[in-house]
Amino acid sequence: MIKPIVTNLAELKRPCIPVTKEDDIKQIIIDLKETLQSHSTGWGLAANQIGYDKAICYIRVPKQINHKDKKITYGELVLINPKIVEKDTPLKIMDEGCLSFAGVKVTTKRFVYITVEFLDENLKSQVAAMQDYESLAIQHEVGHLNGRTIFDEKWRAK
């Protein structure tokens, strides 16, 4: 079901609760996918952005663009209880948006390369090296799961 995006900063600042094997998370995953796919701009969505307090996020980033057919192929990934265990330079400084703060851009600093540990949709343990769009989207969404927003990641020149 397409859910409304949470815009209340106090709600977004609450860290999410880790998923356990006893949790029924199927509906959360369906809602994450349907809600993100209904937005033309977002690359990822965390469960707390649609009113759930579980540590689950969904990433959907462009992988290939066919200009002739005007089709975009997306890479999709559900991450449950994700933890970024490695970050590597170079850093990317960019204007970053968020579905919870429509129309707002914040200059952030993110790692281009990361390694993330997570459970997949079948609750199987995974470790993946990510780069570029996937890396940026995962850092953003893991931030949400930990109660952080783009405002907490604002880059300031030294």
N, C-alpha and C. Protein backbone atom coordinates (compact mmCIF):
# COMPACT_ATOMS: atom_id res chain seq x y z
N MET A 1 0.84 -1.17 0.00
CA MET A 1 0.00 0.00 0.00
C MET A 1 0.89 1.24 0.00
N ILE A 2 0.53 2.23 -0.78
CA ILE A 2 1.29 3.48 -0.79
C ILE A 2 0.96 4.24 0.49
N LYS A 3 2.00 4.55 1.24
CA LYS A 3 1.84 5.21 2.54
C LYS A 3 2.27 6.67 2.43
N PRO A 4 1.73 7.53 3.28
CA PRO A 4 2.19 8.91 3.30
C PRO A 4 3.62 8.99 3.86
N ILE A 5 4.40 9.93 3.36
CA ILE A 5 5.78 10.12 3.83
C ILE A 5 5.76 10.94 5.11
N VAL A 6 6.45 10.45 6.13
CA VAL A 6 6.56 11.16 7.41
C VAL A 6 7.44 12.38 7.21
N THR A 7 6.96 13.53 7.67
CA THR A 7 7.73 14.78 7.57
C THR A 7 8.05 15.35 8.95
N ASN A 8 7.52 14.76 9.98
CA ASN A 8 7.73 15.24 11.35
C ASN A 8 9.15 14.90 11.81
N LEU A 9 9.95 15.92 12.06
CA LEU A 9 11.36 15.72 12.43
C LEU A 9 11.51 14.91 13.71
N ALA A 10 10.65 15.13 14.69
CA ALA A 10 10.75 14.38 15.95
C ALA A 10 10.55 12.88 15.72
N GLU A 11 9.61 12.52 14.85
CA GLU A 11 9.40 11.11 14.53
C GLU A 11 10.60 10.52 13.80
N LEU A 12 11.16 11.29 12.88
CA LEU A 12 12.31 10.81 12.10
C LEU A 12 13.58 10.70 12.95
N LYS A 13 13.65 11.41 14.06
CA LYS A 13 14.84 11.38 14.92
C LYS A 13 14.88 10.15 15.83
N ARG A 14 13.77 9.41 15.93
CA ARG A 14 13.75 8.20 16.76
C ARG A 14 14.41 7.05 16.02
N PRO A 15 15.47 6.46 16.58
CA PRO A 15 16.10 5.30 15.93
C PRO A 15 15.12 4.13 15.84
N CYS A 16 15.26 3.35 14.79
CA CYS A 16 14.41 2.18 14.56
C CYS A 16 14.87 0.99 15.39
N ILE A 17 13.94 0.09 15.60
CA ILE A 17 14.19 -1.12 16.39
C ILE A 17 14.65 -2.23 15.44
N PRO A 18 15.69 -2.98 15.81
CA PRO A 18 16.12 -4.09 14.95
C PRO A 18 15.01 -5.13 14.74
N VAL A 19 15.00 -5.71 13.58
CA VAL A 19 14.05 -6.77 13.23
C VAL A 19 14.54 -8.07 13.86
N THR A 20 13.60 -8.86 14.39
CA THR A 20 13.92 -10.19 14.90
C THR A 20 13.22 -11.22 14.02
N LYS A 21 13.60 -12.47 14.17
CA LYS A 21 13.00 -13.53 13.36
C LYS A 21 11.51 -13.68 13.63
N GLU A 22 11.05 -13.22 14.79
CA GLU A 22 9.63 -13.32 15.14
C GLU A 22 8.78 -12.25 14.47
N ASP A 23 9.40 -11.19 13.97
CA ASP A 23 8.66 -10.08 13.37
C ASP A 23 8.11 -10.45 12.00
N ASP A 24 6.88 -10.07 11.75
CA ASP A 24 6.29 -10.23 10.42
C ASP A 24 6.52 -8.91 9.68
N ILE A 25 7.43 -8.94 8.72
CA ILE A 25 7.85 -7.71 8.05
C ILE A 25 7.41 -7.65 6.58
N LYS A 26 6.67 -8.65 6.15
CA LYS A 26 6.27 -8.69 4.73
C LYS A 26 5.53 -7.44 4.30
N GLN A 27 4.58 -6.98 5.12
CA GLN A 27 3.79 -5.81 4.74
C GLN A 27 4.65 -4.54 4.73
N ILE A 28 5.58 -4.45 5.65
CA ILE A 28 6.47 -3.28 5.67
C ILE A 28 7.26 -3.22 4.36
N ILE A 29 7.79 -4.35 3.92
CA ILE A 29 8.56 -4.39 2.68
C ILE A 29 7.69 -4.03 1.48
N ILE A 30 6.49 -4.57 1.43
CA ILE A 30 5.56 -4.23 0.34
C ILE A 30 5.28 -2.73 0.34
N ASP A 31 5.01 -2.18 1.51
CA ASP A 31 4.70 -0.76 1.61
C ASP A 31 5.90 0.11 1.22
N LEU A 32 7.10 -0.30 1.62
CA LEU A 32 8.30 0.45 1.22
C LEU A 32 8.43 0.48 -0.30
N LYS A 33 8.29 -0.68 -0.92
CA LYS A 33 8.45 -0.77 -2.37
C LYS A 33 7.38 0.04 -3.10
N GLU A 34 6.13 -0.16 -2.74
CA GLU A 34 5.05 0.54 -3.43
C GLU A 34 5.13 2.05 -3.22
N THR A 35 5.48 2.47 -2.02
CA THR A 35 5.56 3.90 -1.74
C THR A 35 6.71 4.54 -2.50
N LEU A 36 7.89 3.92 -2.47
CA LEU A 36 9.03 4.50 -3.19
C LEU A 36 8.77 4.52 -4.69
N GLN A 37 8.22 3.45 -5.22
CA GLN A 37 7.98 3.39 -6.65
C GLN A 37 6.92 4.40 -7.10
N SER A 38 6.13 4.91 -6.16
CA SER A 38 5.12 5.92 -6.52
C SER A 38 5.73 7.33 -6.61
N HIS A 39 6.97 7.46 -6.18
CA HIS A 39 7.67 8.75 -6.23
C HIS A 39 8.70 8.71 -7.35
N SER A 40 8.74 9.73 -8.15
CA SER A 40 9.65 9.72 -9.30
C SER A 40 11.07 10.12 -8.94
N THR A 41 11.29 10.67 -7.75
CA THR A 41 12.62 11.19 -7.45
C THR A 41 13.44 10.38 -6.47
N GLY A 42 12.84 9.67 -5.56
CA GLY A 42 13.59 9.02 -4.49
C GLY A 42 14.39 7.82 -4.92
N TRP A 43 15.54 7.63 -4.27
CA TRP A 43 16.40 6.46 -4.51
C TRP A 43 16.28 5.44 -3.39
N GLY A 44 15.68 5.82 -2.29
CA GLY A 44 15.58 4.91 -1.16
C GLY A 44 14.53 5.39 -0.19
N LEU A 45 14.13 4.49 0.68
CA LEU A 45 13.11 4.80 1.68
C LEU A 45 13.35 3.93 2.90
N ALA A 46 13.32 4.55 4.07
CA ALA A 46 13.47 3.83 5.33
C ALA A 46 12.09 3.63 5.95
N ALA A 47 11.94 2.56 6.72
CA ALA A 47 10.64 2.23 7.30
C ALA A 47 10.08 3.36 8.14
N ASN A 48 10.93 4.09 8.87
CA ASN A 48 10.40 5.17 9.71
C ASN A 48 9.88 6.35 8.88
N GLN A 49 10.20 6.40 7.61
CA GLN A 49 9.67 7.46 6.74
C GLN A 49 8.23 7.17 6.32
N ILE A 50 7.76 5.95 6.58
CA ILE A 50 6.36 5.63 6.28
C ILE A 50 5.63 5.11 7.52
N GLY A 51 6.15 5.44 8.70
CA GLY A 51 5.44 5.18 9.94
C GLY A 51 5.73 3.88 10.66
N TYR A 52 6.73 3.13 10.23
CA TYR A 52 7.11 1.89 10.91
C TYR A 52 8.39 2.14 11.72
N ASP A 53 8.52 1.44 12.84
CA ASP A 53 9.72 1.65 13.67
C ASP A 53 10.75 0.53 13.54
N LYS A 54 10.68 -0.25 12.48
CA LYS A 54 11.61 -1.36 12.27
C LYS A 54 12.78 -0.95 11.38
N ALA A 55 13.94 -1.55 11.60
CA ALA A 55 15.17 -1.21 10.87
C ALA A 55 15.20 -1.91 9.51
N ILE A 56 14.41 -1.37 8.58
CA ILE A 56 14.32 -1.91 7.22
C ILE A 56 14.35 -0.72 6.26
N CYS A 57 15.10 -0.88 5.18
CA CYS A 57 15.06 0.14 4.14
C CYS A 57 15.08 -0.53 2.77
N TYR A 58 14.67 0.23 1.79
CA TYR A 58 14.58 -0.25 0.42
C TYR A 58 15.29 0.76 -0.47
N ILE A 59 16.19 0.25 -1.29
CA ILE A 59 16.99 1.08 -2.20
C ILE A 59 16.57 0.73 -3.63
N ARG A 60 16.38 1.76 -4.43
CA ARG A 60 16.02 1.58 -5.84
C ARG A 60 16.73 2.68 -6.63
N VAL A 61 17.87 2.32 -7.21
CA VAL A 61 18.68 3.33 -7.91
C VAL A 61 18.80 2.99 -9.39
N PRO A 62 18.91 4.03 -10.22
CA PRO A 62 19.07 3.78 -11.65
C PRO A 62 20.37 3.05 -11.94
N LYS A 63 20.30 2.00 -12.75
CA LYS A 63 21.49 1.24 -13.14
C LYS A 63 21.86 1.49 -14.59
N GLN A 64 20.83 1.58 -15.43
CA GLN A 64 21.07 1.74 -16.86
C GLN A 64 19.93 2.56 -17.45
N ILE A 65 20.30 3.52 -18.30
CA ILE A 65 19.30 4.35 -18.96
C ILE A 65 19.40 4.12 -20.46
N ASN A 66 18.29 3.70 -21.06
CA ASN A 66 18.21 3.53 -22.50
C ASN A 66 17.51 4.76 -23.06
N HIS A 67 18.30 5.69 -23.58
CA HIS A 67 17.74 6.95 -24.06
C HIS A 67 16.82 6.76 -25.26
N LYS A 68 17.12 5.78 -26.08
CA LYS A 68 16.32 5.54 -27.28
C LYS A 68 14.88 5.14 -26.91
N ASP A 69 14.77 4.19 -25.98
CA ASP A 69 13.44 3.70 -25.56
C ASP A 69 12.89 4.48 -24.36
N LYS A 70 13.71 5.38 -23.81
CA LYS A 70 13.34 6.14 -22.61
C LYS A 70 12.96 5.21 -21.45
N LYS A 71 13.77 4.16 -21.28
CA LYS A 71 13.55 3.21 -20.20
C LYS A 71 14.73 3.24 -19.24
N ILE A 72 14.41 3.11 -17.98
CA ILE A 72 15.44 3.06 -16.94
C ILE A 72 15.36 1.69 -16.28
N THR A 73 16.51 1.05 -16.15
CA THR A 73 16.61 -0.20 -15.40
C THR A 73 17.11 0.16 -14.00
N TYR A 74 16.44 -0.38 -12.99
CA TYR A 74 16.80 -0.06 -11.61
C TYR A 74 17.44 -1.25 -10.92
N GLY A 75 18.35 -0.94 -10.00
CA GLY A 75 18.87 -1.92 -9.07
C GLY A 75 18.10 -1.78 -7.78
N GLU A 76 17.56 -2.88 -7.26
CA GLU A 76 16.72 -2.83 -6.07
C GLU A 76 17.30 -3.73 -4.98
N LEU A 77 17.16 -3.27 -3.74
CA LEU A 77 17.70 -4.02 -2.63
C LEU A 77 16.94 -3.68 -1.35
N VAL A 78 16.52 -4.72 -0.62
CA VAL A 78 15.93 -4.55 0.70
C VAL A 78 17.03 -4.87 1.71
N LEU A 79 17.22 -3.97 2.66
CA LEU A 79 18.23 -4.17 3.70
C LEU A 79 17.53 -4.16 5.05
N ILE A 80 17.72 -5.24 5.80
CA ILE A 80 17.14 -5.38 7.13
C ILE A 80 18.28 -5.35 8.14
N ASN A 81 18.12 -4.53 9.17
CA ASN A 81 19.16 -4.33 10.20
C ASN A 81 20.53 -4.01 9.58
N PRO A 82 20.58 -3.09 8.62
CA PRO A 82 21.87 -2.82 7.96
C PRO A 82 22.85 -2.10 8.86
N LYS A 83 24.12 -2.45 8.69
CA LYS A 83 25.22 -1.78 9.40
C LYS A 83 26.33 -1.54 8.38
N ILE A 84 26.76 -0.29 8.30
CA ILE A 84 27.89 0.04 7.44
C ILE A 84 29.14 -0.29 8.24
N VAL A 85 29.93 -1.24 7.74
CA VAL A 85 31.08 -1.72 8.49
C VAL A 85 32.40 -1.19 7.94
N GLU A 86 32.37 -0.64 6.74
CA GLU A 86 33.58 -0.06 6.15
C GLU A 86 33.18 1.12 5.30
N LYS A 87 34.00 2.17 5.35
CA LYS A 87 33.81 3.34 4.50
C LYS A 87 35.17 3.67 3.91
N ASP A 88 35.18 4.06 2.64
CA ASP A 88 36.44 4.36 2.01
C ASP A 88 36.32 5.63 1.19
N THR A 89 37.43 6.31 1.09
CA THR A 89 37.48 7.53 0.29
C THR A 89 37.53 7.15 -1.18
N PRO A 90 37.29 7.99 -2.09
CA PRO A 90 37.11 9.42 -1.89
C PRO A 90 35.70 9.75 -1.40
N LEU A 91 35.59 10.94 -0.85
CA LEU A 91 34.31 11.43 -0.39
C LEU A 91 33.63 12.20 -1.51
N LYS A 92 32.32 12.20 -1.48
CA LYS A 92 31.56 12.96 -2.47
C LYS A 92 30.77 14.03 -1.74
N ILE A 93 30.96 15.26 -2.15
CA ILE A 93 30.20 16.37 -1.59
C ILE A 93 29.16 16.74 -2.63
N MET A 94 27.89 16.75 -2.20
CA MET A 94 26.82 16.96 -3.17
C MET A 94 25.59 17.54 -2.50
N ASP A 95 24.70 18.09 -3.32
CA ASP A 95 23.40 18.52 -2.82
C ASP A 95 22.50 17.30 -2.78
N GLU A 96 21.95 17.05 -1.60
CA GLU A 96 21.17 15.83 -1.37
C GLU A 96 19.77 16.21 -0.93
N GLY A 97 18.78 15.51 -1.48
CA GLY A 97 17.40 15.72 -1.09
C GLY A 97 16.87 14.54 -0.30
N CYS A 98 15.62 14.67 0.14
CA CYS A 98 14.99 13.62 0.94
C CYS A 98 13.48 13.70 0.73
N LEU A 99 12.84 12.57 0.56
CA LEU A 99 11.40 12.56 0.37
C LEU A 99 10.65 13.14 1.57
N SER A 100 11.24 13.08 2.76
CA SER A 100 10.60 13.65 3.95
C SER A 100 10.67 15.18 3.99
N PHE A 101 11.55 15.75 3.20
CA PHE A 101 11.71 17.20 3.18
C PHE A 101 11.66 17.69 1.73
N ALA A 102 10.51 17.56 1.11
CA ALA A 102 10.33 17.86 -0.31
C ALA A 102 10.81 19.27 -0.63
N GLY A 103 11.61 19.36 -1.69
CA GLY A 103 12.09 20.65 -2.17
C GLY A 103 13.31 21.19 -1.45
N VAL A 104 13.76 20.52 -0.41
CA VAL A 104 14.92 20.97 0.36
C VAL A 104 16.16 20.22 -0.11
N LYS A 105 17.25 20.95 -0.31
CA LYS A 105 18.55 20.34 -0.65
C LYS A 105 19.55 20.76 0.42
N VAL A 106 20.35 19.81 0.85
CA VAL A 106 21.40 20.05 1.84
C VAL A 106 22.70 19.53 1.26
N THR A 107 23.76 20.30 1.37
CA THR A 107 25.07 19.84 0.90
C THR A 107 25.62 18.87 1.93
N THR A 108 25.83 17.63 1.50
CA THR A 108 26.31 16.58 2.39
C THR A 108 27.64 16.02 1.89
N LYS A 109 28.29 15.27 2.77
CA LYS A 109 29.54 14.59 2.43
C LYS A 109 29.32 13.10 2.68
N ARG A 110 29.47 12.30 1.63
CA ARG A 110 29.25 10.85 1.74
C ARG A 110 30.45 10.11 1.17
N PHE A 111 30.60 8.87 1.59
CA PHE A 111 31.64 8.01 1.05
C PHE A 111 31.17 7.40 -0.26
N VAL A 112 32.07 7.28 -1.22
CA VAL A 112 31.73 6.68 -2.50
C VAL A 112 31.71 5.15 -2.38
N TYR A 113 32.56 4.59 -1.52
CA TYR A 113 32.67 3.14 -1.34
C TYR A 113 32.33 2.77 0.10
N ILE A 114 31.47 1.77 0.27
CA ILE A 114 31.15 1.26 1.60
C ILE A 114 31.01 -0.26 1.54
N THR A 115 31.09 -0.88 2.70
CA THR A 115 30.72 -2.28 2.86
C THR A 115 29.60 -2.30 3.89
N VAL A 116 28.54 -3.02 3.56
CA VAL A 116 27.37 -3.06 4.44
C VAL A 116 27.02 -4.51 4.76
N GLU A 117 26.70 -4.76 6.03
CA GLU A 117 26.20 -6.06 6.47
C GLU A 117 24.71 -5.88 6.72
N PHE A 118 23.90 -6.86 6.30
CA PHE A 118 22.46 -6.76 6.45
C PHE A 118 21.83 -8.13 6.30
N LEU A 119 20.57 -8.20 6.62
CA LEU A 119 19.77 -9.38 6.33
C LEU A 119 18.96 -9.07 5.09
N ASP A 120 18.79 -10.05 4.20
CA ASP A 120 17.96 -9.85 3.02
C ASP A 120 16.50 -10.15 3.37
N GLU A 121 15.63 -10.14 2.38
CA GLU A 121 14.20 -10.35 2.61
C GLU A 121 13.88 -11.71 3.22
N ASN A 122 14.78 -12.68 3.04
CA ASN A 122 14.60 -14.01 3.62
C ASN A 122 15.32 -14.17 4.95
N LEU A 123 15.78 -13.04 5.50
CA LEU A 123 16.52 -12.97 6.77
C LEU A 123 17.83 -13.75 6.71
N LYS A 124 18.41 -13.81 5.53
CA LYS A 124 19.73 -14.42 5.34
C LYS A 124 20.78 -13.31 5.45
N SER A 125 21.85 -13.61 6.17
CA SER A 125 22.92 -12.65 6.38
C SER A 125 23.68 -12.39 5.07
N GLN A 126 23.94 -11.11 4.79
CA GLN A 126 24.63 -10.70 3.57
C GLN A 126 25.72 -9.67 3.92
N VAL A 127 26.75 -9.65 3.11
CA VAL A 127 27.78 -8.61 3.18
C VAL A 127 27.99 -8.16 1.74
N ALA A 128 27.93 -6.85 1.51
CA ALA A 128 28.06 -6.36 0.14
C ALA A 128 28.92 -5.10 0.10
N ALA A 129 29.78 -5.04 -0.89
CA ALA A 129 30.54 -3.82 -1.17
C ALA A 129 29.71 -3.00 -2.14
N MET A 130 29.52 -1.75 -1.83
CA MET A 130 28.69 -0.87 -2.66
C MET A 130 29.49 0.35 -3.05
N GLN A 131 29.10 0.94 -4.18
CA GLN A 131 29.74 2.17 -4.60
C GLN A 131 28.73 3.05 -5.31
N ASP A 132 29.12 4.29 -5.50
CA ASP A 132 28.35 5.26 -6.26
C ASP A 132 26.92 5.41 -5.71
N TYR A 133 25.91 5.31 -6.61
CA TYR A 133 24.53 5.58 -6.20
C TYR A 133 24.06 4.69 -5.06
N GLU A 134 24.38 3.39 -5.13
CA GLU A 134 23.96 2.48 -4.07
C GLU A 134 24.57 2.89 -2.74
N SER A 135 25.85 3.22 -2.76
CA SER A 135 26.53 3.64 -1.54
C SER A 135 25.89 4.88 -0.95
N LEU A 136 25.63 5.86 -1.78
CA LEU A 136 25.04 7.12 -1.30
C LEU A 136 23.64 6.88 -0.75
N ALA A 137 22.83 6.10 -1.45
CA ALA A 137 21.47 5.83 -1.01
C ALA A 137 21.47 5.03 0.31
N ILE A 138 22.34 4.05 0.43
CA ILE A 138 22.40 3.25 1.65
C ILE A 138 22.82 4.11 2.83
N GLN A 139 23.82 4.96 2.65
CA GLN A 139 24.24 5.83 3.75
C GLN A 139 23.08 6.72 4.20
N HIS A 140 22.34 7.25 3.25
CA HIS A 140 21.19 8.11 3.56
C HIS A 140 20.14 7.34 4.37
N GLU A 141 19.77 6.15 3.87
CA GLU A 141 18.70 5.38 4.51
C GLU A 141 19.13 4.79 5.86
N VAL A 142 20.37 4.32 5.96
CA VAL A 142 20.86 3.82 7.26
C VAL A 142 20.87 4.97 8.27
N GLY A 143 21.18 6.16 7.80
CA GLY A 143 21.08 7.34 8.67
C GLY A 143 19.67 7.47 9.23
N HIS A 144 18.66 7.38 8.35
CA HIS A 144 17.27 7.46 8.81
C HIS A 144 16.98 6.40 9.87
N LEU A 145 17.42 5.16 9.63
CA LEU A 145 17.15 4.08 10.58
C LEU A 145 17.79 4.35 11.94
N ASN A 146 18.87 5.14 11.94
CA ASN A 146 19.57 5.50 13.18
C ASN A 146 19.10 6.84 13.74
N GLY A 147 18.03 7.40 13.17
CA GLY A 147 17.48 8.65 13.68
C GLY A 147 18.20 9.90 13.18
N ARG A 148 18.89 9.79 12.05
CA ARG A 148 19.61 10.92 11.48
C ARG A 148 18.96 11.35 10.17
N THR A 149 19.04 12.63 9.88
CA THR A 149 18.49 13.16 8.63
C THR A 149 19.60 13.87 7.87
N ILE A 150 19.27 14.38 6.69
CA ILE A 150 20.27 15.10 5.90
C ILE A 150 20.77 16.33 6.65
N PHE A 151 19.98 16.87 7.55
CA PHE A 151 20.42 18.04 8.32
C PHE A 151 21.58 17.68 9.26
N ASP A 152 21.61 16.43 9.72
CA ASP A 152 22.71 15.96 10.58
C ASP A 152 23.97 15.70 9.77
N GLU A 153 23.85 15.54 8.48
CA GLU A 153 24.99 15.22 7.61
C GLU A 153 25.50 16.44 6.84
N LYS A 154 25.00 17.61 7.19
CA LYS A 154 25.36 18.82 6.45
C LYS A 154 26.86 19.03 6.47
N TRP A 155 27.41 19.27 5.28
CA TRP A 155 28.84 19.49 5.12
C TRP A 155 29.14 20.97 5.36
N ARG A 156 30.19 21.18 6.12
CA ARG A 156 30.66 22.54 6.37
C ARG A 156 32.13 22.61 6.01
N ALA A 157 32.49 23.59 5.19
CA ALA A 157 33.90 23.77 4.82
C ALA A 157 34.71 24.12 6.07
N LYS A 158 35.93 23.61 6.11
CA LYS A 158 36.79 23.90 7.28
C LYS A 158 37.71 25.03 6.98
